[in-house]
Amino acid sequence: MTLRQMLAHPRFLPRVLLLDAVASGATAVVLVAAADVLAPVLQLPAGLLRGAGVVLLPFVALVYGLSRQVAPARRWVAAVVVVNLAWVAASAWVVWGGAWQPGPMGVAFVLAQALAVLAFAELGWFGLRARPVARA
């Protein structure tokens, strides 16, 4: 199977979306449940961490719902890609441009999750581009 065939496979996008939902859900749970523990280690405010986790919850629900569809709507998958890219940009802002100065562990944590989210955005984008467009 070629890369193009793999990307165009009918289950590729739903699988990517499911992995995105699981990873985002796990991150949300950790950020909400452990914000007070993580804050001093990451040198980021607990409120910022908890707020980021809470913001993820509706996103997780949407992405999980899309992952259960045989052929998720292109516009919704595109919206997920855009939200993921916005998350990456916000993560970069937290590390380099925000009002906070995360410690080394904070920088590593924020950048690691941003790279994972960027990978999901790219996989979603590649899957969308490889998927045949329905003709009306």
C-alpha atoms as a PDB file:
ATOM      1  CA  MET A   1       0.000   0.000   0.000  1.00  0.00           C
ATOM      2  CA  THR A   2       1.418   3.378  -0.988  1.00  0.00           C
ATOM      3  CA  LEU A   3       1.384   6.388   1.304  1.00  0.00           C
ATOM      4  CA  ARG A   4      -1.315   8.029  -0.819  1.00  0.00           C
ATOM      5  CA  GLN A   5      -3.484   4.920  -0.589  1.00  0.00           C
ATOM      6  CA  MET A   6      -2.981   4.804   3.168  1.00  0.00           C
ATOM      7  CA  LEU A   7      -3.958   8.470   3.544  1.00  0.00           C
ATOM      8  CA  ALA A   8      -7.016   7.991   1.312  1.00  0.00           C
ATOM      9  CA  HIS A   9      -8.145   4.844   3.140  1.00  0.00           C
ATOM     10  CA  PRO A  10     -11.719   5.346   4.434  1.00  0.00           C
ATOM     11  CA  ARG A  11     -10.667   4.610   8.044  1.00  0.00           C
ATOM     12  CA  PHE A  12      -7.570   6.853   8.065  1.00  0.00           C
ATOM     13  CA  LEU A  13      -9.277  10.096   9.126  1.00  0.00           C
ATOM     14  CA  PRO A  14     -11.555   8.468  11.716  1.00  0.00           C
ATOM     15  CA  ARG A  15      -8.521   6.763  13.260  1.00  0.00           C
ATOM     16  CA  VAL A  16      -6.511   9.982  13.340  1.00  0.00           C
ATOM     17  CA  LEU A  17      -9.480  11.758  14.919  1.00  0.00           C
ATOM     18  CA  LEU A  18      -9.866   9.014  17.527  1.00  0.00           C
ATOM     19  CA  LEU A  19      -6.187   9.237  18.462  1.00  0.00           C
ATOM     20  CA  ASP A  20      -6.486  13.022  18.629  1.00  0.00           C
ATOM     21  CA  ALA A  21      -9.530  12.731  20.903  1.00  0.00           C
ATOM     22  CA  VAL A  22      -7.827  10.217  23.206  1.00  0.00           C
ATOM     23  CA  ALA A  23      -4.608  12.258  23.449  1.00  0.00           C
ATOM     24  CA  SER A  24      -6.516  15.518  23.960  1.00  0.00           C
ATOM     25  CA  GLY A  25      -8.784  13.884  26.521  1.00  0.00           C
ATOM     26  CA  ALA A  26      -5.830  12.510  28.475  1.00  0.00           C
ATOM     27  CA  THR A  27      -4.168  15.917  28.397  1.00  0.00           C
ATOM     28  CA  ALA A  28      -7.395  17.585  29.576  1.00  0.00           C
ATOM     29  CA  VAL A  29      -7.736  15.167  32.499  1.00  0.00           C
ATOM     30  CA  VAL A  30      -4.120  15.679  33.555  1.00  0.00           C
ATOM     31  CA  LEU A  31      -4.342  19.464  33.275  1.00  0.00           C
ATOM     32  CA  VAL A  32      -7.608  19.700  35.215  1.00  0.00           C
ATOM     33  CA  ALA A  33      -6.856  17.079  37.870  1.00  0.00           C
ATOM     34  CA  ALA A  34      -3.191  17.862  38.474  1.00  0.00           C
ATOM     35  CA  ALA A  35      -2.947  21.604  37.805  1.00  0.00           C
ATOM     36  CA  ASP A  36      -1.940  22.372  41.396  1.00  0.00           C
ATOM     37  CA  VAL A  37       0.773  19.704  41.330  1.00  0.00           C
ATOM     38  CA  LEU A  38       2.056  20.615  37.862  1.00  0.00           C
ATOM     39  CA  ALA A  39       2.121  24.396  38.381  1.00  0.00           C
ATOM     40  CA  PRO A  40       5.302  24.577  40.493  1.00  0.00           C
ATOM     41  CA  VAL A  41       7.068  21.936  38.399  1.00  0.00           C
ATOM     42  CA  LEU A  42       6.267  23.650  35.093  1.00  0.00           C
ATOM     43  CA  GLN A  43       6.438  27.157  36.563  1.00  0.00           C
ATOM     44  CA  LEU A  44       3.099  28.002  34.982  1.00  0.00           C
ATOM     45  CA  PRO A  45      -0.026  29.208  36.819  1.00  0.00           C
ATOM     46  CA  ALA A  46      -2.404  26.466  37.950  1.00  0.00           C
ATOM     47  CA  GLY A  47      -5.290  28.543  36.574  1.00  0.00           C
ATOM     48  CA  LEU A  48      -3.719  28.560  33.119  1.00  0.00           C
ATOM     49  CA  LEU A  49      -3.201  24.798  33.196  1.00  0.00           C
ATOM     50  CA  ARG A  50      -6.683  24.082  34.539  1.00  0.00           C
ATOM     51  CA  GLY A  51      -8.258  26.514  32.058  1.00  0.00           C
ATOM     52  CA  ALA A  52      -6.450  24.863  29.153  1.00  0.00           C
ATOM     53  CA  GLY A  53      -7.756  21.486  30.298  1.00  0.00           C
ATOM     54  CA  VAL A  54     -11.323  22.763  30.570  1.00  0.00           C
ATOM     55  CA  VAL A  55     -11.123  24.351  27.108  1.00  0.00           C
ATOM     56  CA  LEU A  56     -10.102  20.966  25.690  1.00  0.00           C
ATOM     57  CA  LEU A  57     -13.234  19.170  26.916  1.00  0.00           C
ATOM     58  CA  PRO A  58     -15.698  20.357  24.217  1.00  0.00           C
ATOM     59  CA  PHE A  59     -12.982  19.861  21.596  1.00  0.00           C
ATOM     60  CA  VAL A  60     -12.518  16.271  22.756  1.00  0.00           C
ATOM     61  CA  ALA A  61     -16.271  15.667  22.494  1.00  0.00           C
ATOM     62  CA  LEU A  62     -16.384  17.066  18.955  1.00  0.00           C
ATOM     63  CA  VAL A  63     -13.343  15.157  17.740  1.00  0.00           C
ATOM     64  CA  TYR A  64     -14.519  11.915  19.327  1.00  0.00           C
ATOM     65  CA  GLY A  65     -17.935  12.347  17.697  1.00  0.00           C
ATOM     66  CA  LEU A  66     -16.308  12.891  14.308  1.00  0.00           C
ATOM     67  CA  SER A  67     -14.113   9.827  14.801  1.00  0.00           C
ATOM     68  CA  ARG A  68     -17.233   7.660  15.137  1.00  0.00           C
ATOM     69  CA  GLN A  69     -18.470   8.670  11.687  1.00  0.00           C
ATOM     70  CA  VAL A  70     -17.611   6.552   8.667  1.00  0.00           C
ATOM     71  CA  ALA A  71     -16.937   9.644   6.550  1.00  0.00           C
ATOM     72  CA  PRO A  72     -16.626  12.750   8.735  1.00  0.00           C
ATOM     73  CA  ALA A  73     -17.635  15.966   6.994  1.00  0.00           C
ATOM     74  CA  ARG A  74     -14.691  17.707   5.367  1.00  0.00           C
ATOM     75  CA  ARG A  75     -15.552  21.085   6.873  1.00  0.00           C
ATOM     76  CA  TRP A  76     -15.535  19.659  10.405  1.00  0.00           C
ATOM     77  CA  VAL A  77     -12.244  17.868   9.894  1.00  0.00           C
ATOM     78  CA  ALA A  78     -10.830  21.104   8.474  1.00  0.00           C
ATOM     79  CA  ALA A  79     -12.108  22.913  11.581  1.00  0.00           C
ATOM     80  CA  VAL A  80     -10.307  20.386  13.795  1.00  0.00           C
ATOM     81  CA  VAL A  81      -7.096  20.980  11.823  1.00  0.00           C
ATOM     82  CA  VAL A  82      -7.483  24.761  12.269  1.00  0.00           C
ATOM     83  CA  VAL A  83      -8.152  24.433  16.018  1.00  0.00           C
ATOM     84  CA  ASN A  84      -5.114  22.183  16.365  1.00  0.00           C
ATOM     85  CA  LEU A  85      -2.960  24.740  14.553  1.00  0.00           C
ATOM     86  CA  ALA A  86      -4.343  27.496  16.802  1.00  0.00           C
ATOM     87  CA  TRP A  87      -3.423  25.370  19.842  1.00  0.00           C
ATOM     88  CA  VAL A  88       0.139  25.055  18.509  1.00  0.00           C
ATOM     89  CA  ALA A  89       0.334  28.823  18.015  1.00  0.00           C
ATOM     90  CA  ALA A  90      -1.030  29.444  21.527  1.00  0.00           C
ATOM     91  CA  SER A  91       1.509  26.997  22.932  1.00  0.00           C
ATOM     92  CA  ALA A  92       4.337  28.875  21.220  1.00  0.00           C
ATOM     93  CA  TRP A  93       2.953  32.096  22.650  1.00  0.00           C
ATOM     94  CA  VAL A  94       2.940  30.617  26.168  1.00  0.00           C
ATOM     95  CA  VAL A  95       6.587  29.611  25.809  1.00  0.00           C
ATOM     96  CA  TRP A  96       7.997  32.651  24.014  1.00  0.00           C
ATOM     97  CA  GLY A  97       5.555  35.534  24.053  1.00  0.00           C
ATOM     98  CA  GLY A  98       3.210  35.275  26.983  1.00  0.00           C
ATOM     99  CA  ALA A  99       3.249  36.904  30.374  1.00  0.00           C
ATOM    100  CA  TRP A 100       4.693  33.733  31.890  1.00  0.00           C
ATOM    101  CA  GLN A 101       8.200  32.405  32.004  1.00  0.00           C
ATOM    102  CA  PRO A 102       7.887  28.650  32.227  1.00  0.00           C
ATOM    103  CA  GLY A 103      10.827  26.734  33.638  1.00  0.00           C
ATOM    104  CA  PRO A 104      12.724  24.140  31.617  1.00  0.00           C
ATOM    105  CA  MET A 105      10.151  21.449  32.464  1.00  0.00           C
ATOM    106  CA  GLY A 106       7.355  23.835  31.479  1.00  0.00           C
ATOM    107  CA  VAL A 107       8.999  24.616  28.150  1.00  0.00           C
ATOM    108  CA  ALA A 108       9.545  20.897  27.497  1.00  0.00           C
ATOM    109  CA  PHE A 109       5.945  20.028  28.442  1.00  0.00           C
ATOM    110  CA  VAL A 110       4.351  22.786  26.362  1.00  0.00           C
ATOM    111  CA  LEU A 111       6.538  22.138  23.332  1.00  0.00           C
ATOM    112  CA  ALA A 112       6.088  18.350  23.512  1.00  0.00           C
ATOM    113  CA  GLN A 113       2.319  18.592  23.529  1.00  0.00           C
ATOM    114  CA  ALA A 114       2.460  21.272  20.807  1.00  0.00           C
ATOM    115  CA  LEU A 115       4.498  18.947  18.584  1.00  0.00           C
ATOM    116  CA  ALA A 116       2.002  16.138  19.160  1.00  0.00           C
ATOM    117  CA  VAL A 117      -0.884  18.462  18.278  1.00  0.00           C
ATOM    118  CA  LEU A 118       0.994  19.648  15.187  1.00  0.00           C
ATOM    119  CA  ALA A 119       1.355  16.006  14.119  1.00  0.00           C
ATOM    120  CA  PHE A 120      -2.411  15.507  14.481  1.00  0.00           C
ATOM    121  CA  ALA A 121      -3.049  18.671  12.456  1.00  0.00           C
ATOM    122  CA  GLU A 122      -0.754  17.492   9.691  1.00  0.00           C
ATOM    123  CA  LEU A 123      -2.202  13.975   9.618  1.00  0.00           C
ATOM    124  CA  GLY A 124      -5.702  15.438   9.428  1.00  0.00           C
ATOM    125  CA  TRP A 125      -4.683  17.811   6.650  1.00  0.00           C
ATOM    126  CA  PHE A 126      -2.958  15.059   4.657  1.00  0.00           C
ATOM    127  CA  GLY A 127      -5.985  12.806   5.142  1.00  0.00           C
ATOM    128  CA  LEU A 128      -8.322  15.524   3.924  1.00  0.00           C
ATOM    129  CA  ARG A 129      -6.223  16.234   0.843  1.00  0.00           C
ATOM    130  CA  ALA A 130      -5.937  12.564  -0.076  1.00  0.00           C
ATOM    131  CA  ARG A 131      -9.634  11.847   0.408  1.00  0.00           C
ATOM    132  CA  PRO A 132     -11.672  11.896  -2.799  1.00  0.00           C
ATOM    133  CA  VAL A 133     -14.096  14.781  -3.058  1.00  0.00           C
ATOM    134  CA  ALA A 134     -17.723  13.734  -3.564  1.00  0.00           C
ATOM    135  CA  ARG A 135     -19.081  14.934  -6.888  1.00  0.00           C
ATOM    136  CA  ALA A 136     -22.509  16.578  -6.857  1.00  0.00           C
END
